[in-house]
C-alpha cells in the first residue's frame, strides 16, 4: 500500500501529464534512493543525495541513459513534491550518448517472425513491424483502432500522449481479420489469453502481456541464429530504415513514427546504404585515381 508521500508523488506525476510508464520509472528511482539509505526520502539531505549520484556513477557505473532516468525521477520528487530546489541537480550531467540502433534486414525480420510458434505473439509482432509501432502501442491496440475503410491504424496516446495514424498494409489487414476471428474480443485486438478461459468475465480481460511478447521475440531471435542484440524495438528501427531505403521522404517517416523533431528521425540516414551510396561512389572516384 502506498505511503502518503508516495501517493503524493504519484498524484504530482499524474497532474504533470506524464505517461504511466514514466510514472513507474520515476517512482522506482525514488524508491531505490530510499532503499539505499534505508530511510524515507524526505529525510535525505543534499549531501547524501550528492553521495548517491556519485555512487551510481563511480560504483555501480550505470549507463548515461539510466542515470538520466534516475536523475529526472529524483529531481521531480524533490522539486515538485517536496519543493526543494537543490544545486546538486544542476551539477549532475549524464554524458550525452548517440548510439546507432540495431537494424534487421527484411530477410532477417522474416526469419525471426517465422520462428515464433504461438500465433498471438507472431501476429502481434508482425503488426509492430508492419506499422512501425512501439511495444506498448502494439500490445494495446484495440479493434476500433483499425480503420479498414481508410486503411489506417490509429495510435492513441502514444509517447508524449500524442495520437497519430500509420498506413495499414493490405496483407496485414487480412492477417488481423483471420486472427481476430479466433477470439472475437469486442475491445482488444490482442487480448490476454488468461481472460479467454471459461468463467472469466469480459470486464476482466486485458491486453496481451508485454513481457510475454518480449520473451517470445528474444527466443525467436535465438532460434533464428541471428547474431544481433535485437529487441522488439528493433522492429520499429528496421521498419523506419526499410522505408527510407524504399525512397520514402524523411518527413513522412517522422510523422509515422510520431517523432516531435526530424532530428530524431535523421539517425536512420546513418543506417541506410542507399542514402550513402552517392557519397561512397564519389569517394571511390576521388581516392581511386591515386592508384591508376
Protein backbone atom coordinates (compact mmCIF):
# COMPACT_ATOMS: atom_id res chain seq x y z
CA UNK A 1 0.00 0.00 0.00
CA UNK A 2 1.36 3.41 -0.96
CA UNK A 3 2.50 5.76 1.80
CA UNK A 4 1.03 9.30 1.82
CA UNK A 5 4.34 10.65 0.44
CA UNK A 6 4.45 8.06 -2.35
CA UNK A 7 0.82 8.76 -3.18
CA UNK A 8 1.51 12.49 -3.35
CA UNK A 9 4.39 11.86 -5.77
CA UNK A 10 2.13 9.69 -7.97
CA UNK A 11 -0.54 12.38 -7.98
CA UNK A 12 2.04 15.05 -8.87
CA UNK A 13 3.25 12.89 -11.77
CA UNK A 14 -0.32 12.47 -12.97
CA UNK A 15 -1.01 16.19 -12.74
CA UNK A 16 2.16 16.83 -14.75
CA UNK A 17 0.72 14.68 -17.54
CA UNK A 18 3.50 12.09 -17.62
CA UNK A 19 2.80 8.66 -19.11
CA UNK A 20 2.13 5.67 -16.88
CA UNK A 21 5.47 4.13 -17.87
CA UNK A 22 7.35 7.33 -16.96
CA UNK A 23 5.48 7.47 -13.67
CA UNK A 24 6.60 3.93 -12.85
CA UNK A 25 10.25 4.72 -13.63
CA UNK A 26 10.24 7.94 -11.57
CA UNK A 27 8.62 6.26 -8.56
CA UNK A 28 11.12 3.41 -8.86
CA UNK A 29 14.04 5.89 -8.90
CA UNK A 30 12.87 7.48 -5.64
CA UNK A 31 12.22 4.06 -4.09
CA UNK A 32 15.78 2.91 -4.87
CA UNK A 33 17.17 6.09 -3.30
CA UNK A 34 15.18 5.44 -0.12
CA UNK A 35 16.30 1.81 -0.03
CA UNK A 36 19.93 2.85 -0.43
CA UNK A 37 19.81 4.97 2.75
CA UNK A 38 17.11 2.86 4.43
CA UNK A 39 15.02 5.84 5.34
CA UNK A 40 12.21 7.97 3.96
CA UNK A 41 13.41 10.12 1.02
CA UNK A 42 12.10 13.29 2.68
CA UNK A 43 14.71 12.74 5.42
CA UNK A 44 17.62 12.61 2.96
CA UNK A 45 19.73 15.78 2.80
CA UNK A 46 21.56 17.29 -0.17
CA UNK A 47 24.97 15.90 0.81
CA UNK A 48 23.53 12.39 0.92
CA UNK A 49 21.90 12.98 -2.44
CA UNK A 50 25.23 14.10 -3.89
CA UNK A 51 26.90 10.97 -2.49
CA UNK A 52 24.18 8.80 -4.02
CA UNK A 53 24.74 10.14 -7.53
CA UNK A 54 28.49 9.60 -7.11
CA UNK A 55 27.70 6.03 -6.06
CA UNK A 56 25.61 5.48 -9.17
CA UNK A 57 28.32 6.88 -11.42
CA UNK A 58 31.52 5.54 -9.81
CA UNK A 59 30.50 2.37 -8.01
CA UNK A 60 27.52 0.97 -9.87
CA UNK A 61 28.76 2.52 -13.14
CA UNK A 62 25.27 2.75 -14.61
CA UNK A 63 24.86 3.89 -18.19
CA UNK A 64 24.25 7.57 -19.01
CA UNK A 65 20.70 6.77 -20.16
CA UNK A 66 19.88 5.01 -16.88
CA UNK A 67 21.45 7.83 -14.89
CA UNK A 68 19.26 10.30 -16.77
CA UNK A 69 16.12 8.42 -15.71
CA UNK A 70 17.27 8.25 -12.08
CA UNK A 71 18.14 11.96 -12.09
CA UNK A 72 14.84 13.02 -13.66
CA UNK A 73 12.78 10.93 -11.27
CA UNK A 74 14.57 12.08 -8.13
CA UNK A 75 14.70 15.68 -9.29
CA UNK A 76 10.96 15.67 -9.93
CA UNK A 77 10.29 14.32 -6.45
CA UNK A 78 12.38 16.91 -4.63
CA UNK A 79 11.49 19.92 -6.76
CA UNK A 80 7.77 19.31 -7.27
CA UNK A 81 6.64 17.07 -4.40
CA UNK A 82 8.90 18.42 -1.63
CA UNK A 83 9.57 21.87 -3.14
CA UNK A 84 13.31 21.63 -2.52
CA UNK A 85 15.47 23.25 -5.20
CA UNK A 86 18.99 21.94 -4.65
CA UNK A 87 22.06 22.90 -6.67
CA UNK A 88 23.15 19.26 -6.92
CA UNK A 89 20.57 18.69 -9.63
CA UNK A 90 22.27 21.29 -11.82
CA UNK A 91 25.65 19.66 -11.19
CA UNK A 92 24.73 16.12 -12.24
CA UNK A 93 25.12 15.91 -16.01
CA UNK A 94 24.94 12.44 -17.60
CA UNK A 95 27.07 12.12 -20.73
CA UNK A 96 25.04 12.50 -23.92
CA UNK A 97 25.07 9.23 -25.83
CA UNK A 98 24.31 8.88 -29.52
CA UNK A 99 24.05 5.19 -30.35
CA UNK A 100 23.08 3.84 -33.74
CA UNK A 101 20.19 1.42 -33.29
CA UNK A 102 20.36 -2.23 -34.28
CA UNK A 103 18.60 -2.87 -37.60
CA UNK A 104 17.49 -6.15 -39.16
CA UNK A 105 17.22 -6.66 -42.90
CA UNK A 106 13.85 -7.58 -44.39
CA UNK A 107 15.01 -11.19 -44.71
CA UNK A 108 16.13 -11.22 -41.07
CA UNK A 109 12.77 -9.84 -39.93
CA UNK A 110 11.02 -12.55 -41.92
CA UNK A 111 13.31 -15.19 -40.39
CA UNK A 112 12.65 -14.04 -36.81
CA UNK A 113 8.87 -13.84 -37.25
CA UNK A 114 8.80 -17.33 -38.79
CA UNK A 115 10.46 -18.69 -35.65
CA UNK A 116 7.64 -17.56 -33.35
CA UNK A 117 5.45 -20.57 -32.57
CA UNK A 118 2.42 -19.04 -30.84
CA UNK A 119 0.07 -17.30 -33.23
CA UNK A 120 -0.87 -14.42 -30.90
CA UNK A 121 2.76 -13.42 -30.47
CA UNK A 122 3.55 -13.82 -34.15
CA UNK A 123 0.60 -11.66 -35.25
CA UNK A 124 1.29 -9.01 -32.60
CA UNK A 125 4.98 -8.76 -33.52
CA UNK A 126 4.14 -8.77 -37.23
CA UNK A 127 1.83 -5.80 -36.60
CA UNK A 128 4.50 -3.98 -34.61
CA UNK A 129 6.92 -4.30 -37.54
CA UNK A 130 4.42 -3.64 -40.33
CA UNK A 131 3.25 -0.39 -38.69
CA UNK A 132 6.48 0.76 -37.01
CA UNK A 133 4.92 0.62 -33.53
CA UNK A 134 6.39 0.76 -30.07
CA UNK A 135 5.92 -2.38 -27.95
CA UNK A 136 3.22 -0.88 -25.72
CA UNK A 137 1.39 0.56 -28.72
CA UNK A 138 1.24 -2.82 -30.40
CA UNK A 139 0.11 -4.74 -27.33
CA UNK A 140 -2.61 -2.21 -26.51
CA UNK A 141 -4.17 -1.95 -29.97
CA UNK A 142 -7.96 -2.05 -29.88
CA UNK A 143 -10.35 -3.33 -32.51
CA UNK A 144 -11.65 0.21 -33.03
CA UNK A 145 -8.14 1.44 -33.88
CA UNK A 146 -8.24 -0.38 -37.21
CA UNK A 147 -9.79 1.77 -39.93
CA UNK A 148 -10.26 -0.63 -42.83
CA UNK A 149 -12.08 1.98 -44.93
CA UNK A 150 -9.18 4.42 -44.96
CA UNK A 151 -6.57 1.66 -44.44
CA UNK A 152 -5.11 3.34 -41.37
CA UNK A 153 -4.17 2.31 -37.84
CA UNK A 154 -4.96 4.91 -35.21
CA UNK A 155 -2.38 5.09 -32.41
CA UNK A 156 -3.93 6.70 -29.36
CA UNK A 157 -1.89 8.27 -26.58
CA UNK A 158 1.50 7.23 -27.88
CA UNK A 159 4.74 8.52 -26.38
CA UNK A 160 4.17 12.05 -25.11
CA UNK A 161 0.40 11.39 -25.14
CA UNK A 162 0.34 12.06 -28.90
CA UNK A 163 -2.10 10.46 -31.35
CA UNK A 164 -1.08 9.57 -34.88
CA UNK A 165 -2.10 7.43 -37.83
CA UNK A 166 0.03 4.97 -39.77
CA UNK A 167 -0.75 3.12 -43.01
CA UNK A 168 -2.38 -0.30 -42.70
CA UNK A 169 -0.86 -2.73 -45.22
CA UNK A 170 -3.47 -4.79 -47.07
CA UNK A 171 -1.93 -8.16 -46.21
CA UNK A 172 -1.73 -7.15 -42.55
CA UNK A 173 -5.47 -6.36 -42.54
CA UNK A 174 -6.17 -9.87 -43.83
CA UNK A 175 -3.91 -11.35 -41.16
CA UNK A 176 -5.58 -9.35 -38.38
CA UNK A 177 -9.05 -10.35 -39.56
CA UNK A 178 -8.12 -14.04 -39.52
CA UNK A 179 -6.60 -13.74 -36.08
CA UNK A 180 -9.50 -11.73 -34.63
CA UNK A 181 -11.94 -14.40 -35.83
CA UNK A 182 -10.22 -16.85 -33.45
CA UNK A 183 -11.21 -14.89 -30.33
CA UNK A 184 -13.68 -12.14 -31.37
CA UNK A 185 -12.93 -9.96 -28.38
CA UNK A 186 -15.00 -6.75 -28.61
CA UNK A 187 -12.22 -4.45 -27.39
CA UNK A 188 -8.67 -5.80 -27.57
CA UNK A 189 -7.08 -6.81 -30.84
CA UNK A 190 -4.61 -8.94 -28.89
CA UNK A 191 -6.41 -9.96 -25.68
CA UNK A 192 -4.75 -11.74 -22.81
CA UNK A 193 -5.18 -15.50 -23.14
CA UNK A 194 -5.95 -15.73 -19.43
CA UNK A 195 -9.17 -13.82 -19.99
CA UNK A 196 -10.28 -16.21 -22.72
CA UNK A 197 -10.64 -19.14 -20.30
CA UNK A 198 -14.15 -20.29 -19.28
CA UNK A 199 -15.60 -18.48 -16.29
CA UNK A 200 -13.79 -15.18 -16.88
CA UNK A 201 -15.84 -12.03 -17.34
CA UNK A 202 -15.11 -9.83 -20.36
CA UNK A 203 -14.53 -6.98 -17.90
CA UNK A 204 -11.52 -8.85 -16.52
CA UNK A 205 -9.87 -9.39 -19.87
CA UNK A 206 -6.91 -7.13 -20.56
CA UNK A 207 -4.43 -6.81 -23.42
CA UNK A 208 -1.72 -9.31 -24.22
CA UNK A 209 1.25 -9.44 -21.84
CA UNK A 210 4.07 -7.08 -22.80
CA UNK A 211 6.55 -9.36 -21.08
CA UNK A 212 5.19 -12.36 -22.97
CA UNK A 213 5.69 -10.60 -26.33
CA UNK A 214 9.23 -9.60 -25.33
CA UNK A 215 10.11 -13.15 -24.30
CA UNK A 216 8.69 -14.64 -27.49
CA UNK A 217 10.79 -12.25 -29.58
CA UNK A 218 14.01 -12.98 -27.68
CA UNK A 219 13.55 -16.75 -28.14
CA UNK A 220 12.76 -16.26 -31.83
CA UNK A 221 15.96 -14.27 -32.41
CA UNK A 222 17.97 -17.02 -30.70
CA UNK A 223 16.25 -19.72 -32.72
CA UNK A 224 16.82 -17.84 -35.99
CA UNK A 225 20.57 -17.82 -35.36
CA UNK A 226 20.85 -14.08 -36.00
CA UNK A 227 23.83 -12.71 -34.08
CA UNK A 228 22.46 -9.26 -33.32
CA UNK A 229 21.32 -7.95 -29.91
CA UNK A 230 17.85 -7.30 -31.28
CA UNK A 231 14.84 -6.35 -29.15
CA UNK A 232 11.20 -5.77 -30.03
CA UNK A 233 12.04 -2.09 -30.56
CA UNK A 234 14.49 -3.22 -33.26
CA UNK A 235 11.45 -3.98 -35.43
CA UNK A 236 10.47 -0.29 -35.31
CA UNK A 237 14.01 0.82 -36.18
CA UNK A 238 14.11 -1.71 -39.02
CA UNK A 239 10.74 -0.58 -40.41
CA UNK A 240 11.85 3.07 -40.50
CA UNK A 241 15.14 2.15 -42.16
CA UNK A 242 13.41 -0.02 -44.76
CA UNK A 243 11.02 2.84 -45.63
CA UNK A 244 13.94 5.20 -46.08
CA UNK A 245 15.68 2.68 -48.30
CA UNK A 246 12.49 2.46 -50.36
CA UNK A 247 12.68 6.20 -51.03
CA UNK A 248 10.04 7.42 -48.56
CA UNK A 249 10.56 11.06 -47.55
CA UNK A 250 12.15 11.54 -44.13
CA UNK A 251 9.39 13.94 -43.04
CA UNK A 252 6.75 11.33 -43.83
CA UNK A 253 8.63 8.72 -41.78
CA UNK A 254 8.89 11.25 -38.95
CA UNK A 255 5.11 11.63 -38.90
CA UNK A 256 4.53 7.87 -38.99
CA UNK A 257 6.95 7.33 -36.09
CA UNK A 258 5.46 10.16 -34.06
CA UNK A 259 8.78 11.96 -33.63
CA UNK A 260 8.50 15.58 -32.49
CA UNK A 261 11.73 16.58 -34.23
CA UNK A 262 13.03 15.42 -37.59
CA UNK A 263 16.49 15.32 -35.99
CA UNK A 264 15.39 12.19 -34.12
CA UNK A 265 14.45 10.55 -37.41
CA UNK A 266 17.66 11.50 -39.24
CA UNK A 267 19.54 8.82 -37.29
CA UNK A 268 18.21 6.32 -39.85
CA UNK A 269 20.14 8.03 -42.63
CA UNK A 270 23.32 6.70 -40.97
CA UNK A 271 21.98 3.15 -41.29
CA UNK A 272 20.89 3.21 -44.89
CA UNK A 273 23.37 2.18 -47.61
CA UNK A 274 21.17 3.69 -50.34
CA UNK A 275 21.41 7.13 -48.75
CA UNK A 276 25.18 6.91 -48.51
CA UNK A 277 25.72 5.34 -51.94
CA UNK A 278 26.34 8.62 -53.87
CA UNK A 279 28.92 9.68 -51.29
CA UNK A 280 30.64 6.28 -51.41
CA UNK A 281 30.78 6.40 -55.21
CA UNK A 282 32.25 9.92 -55.12
CA UNK A 283 34.91 8.83 -52.60
CA UNK A 284 35.82 5.85 -54.79
CA UNK A 285 36.19 8.14 -57.81
CA UNK A 286 38.42 10.61 -55.96
CA UNK A 287 40.56 8.19 -53.97
CA UNK A 288 40.70 5.56 -56.73
CA UNK A 289 42.59 7.93 -59.02
CA UNK A 290 45.57 7.77 -56.63
CA UNK A 291 46.44 4.24 -57.75
CA UNK A 292 45.96 4.50 -61.50
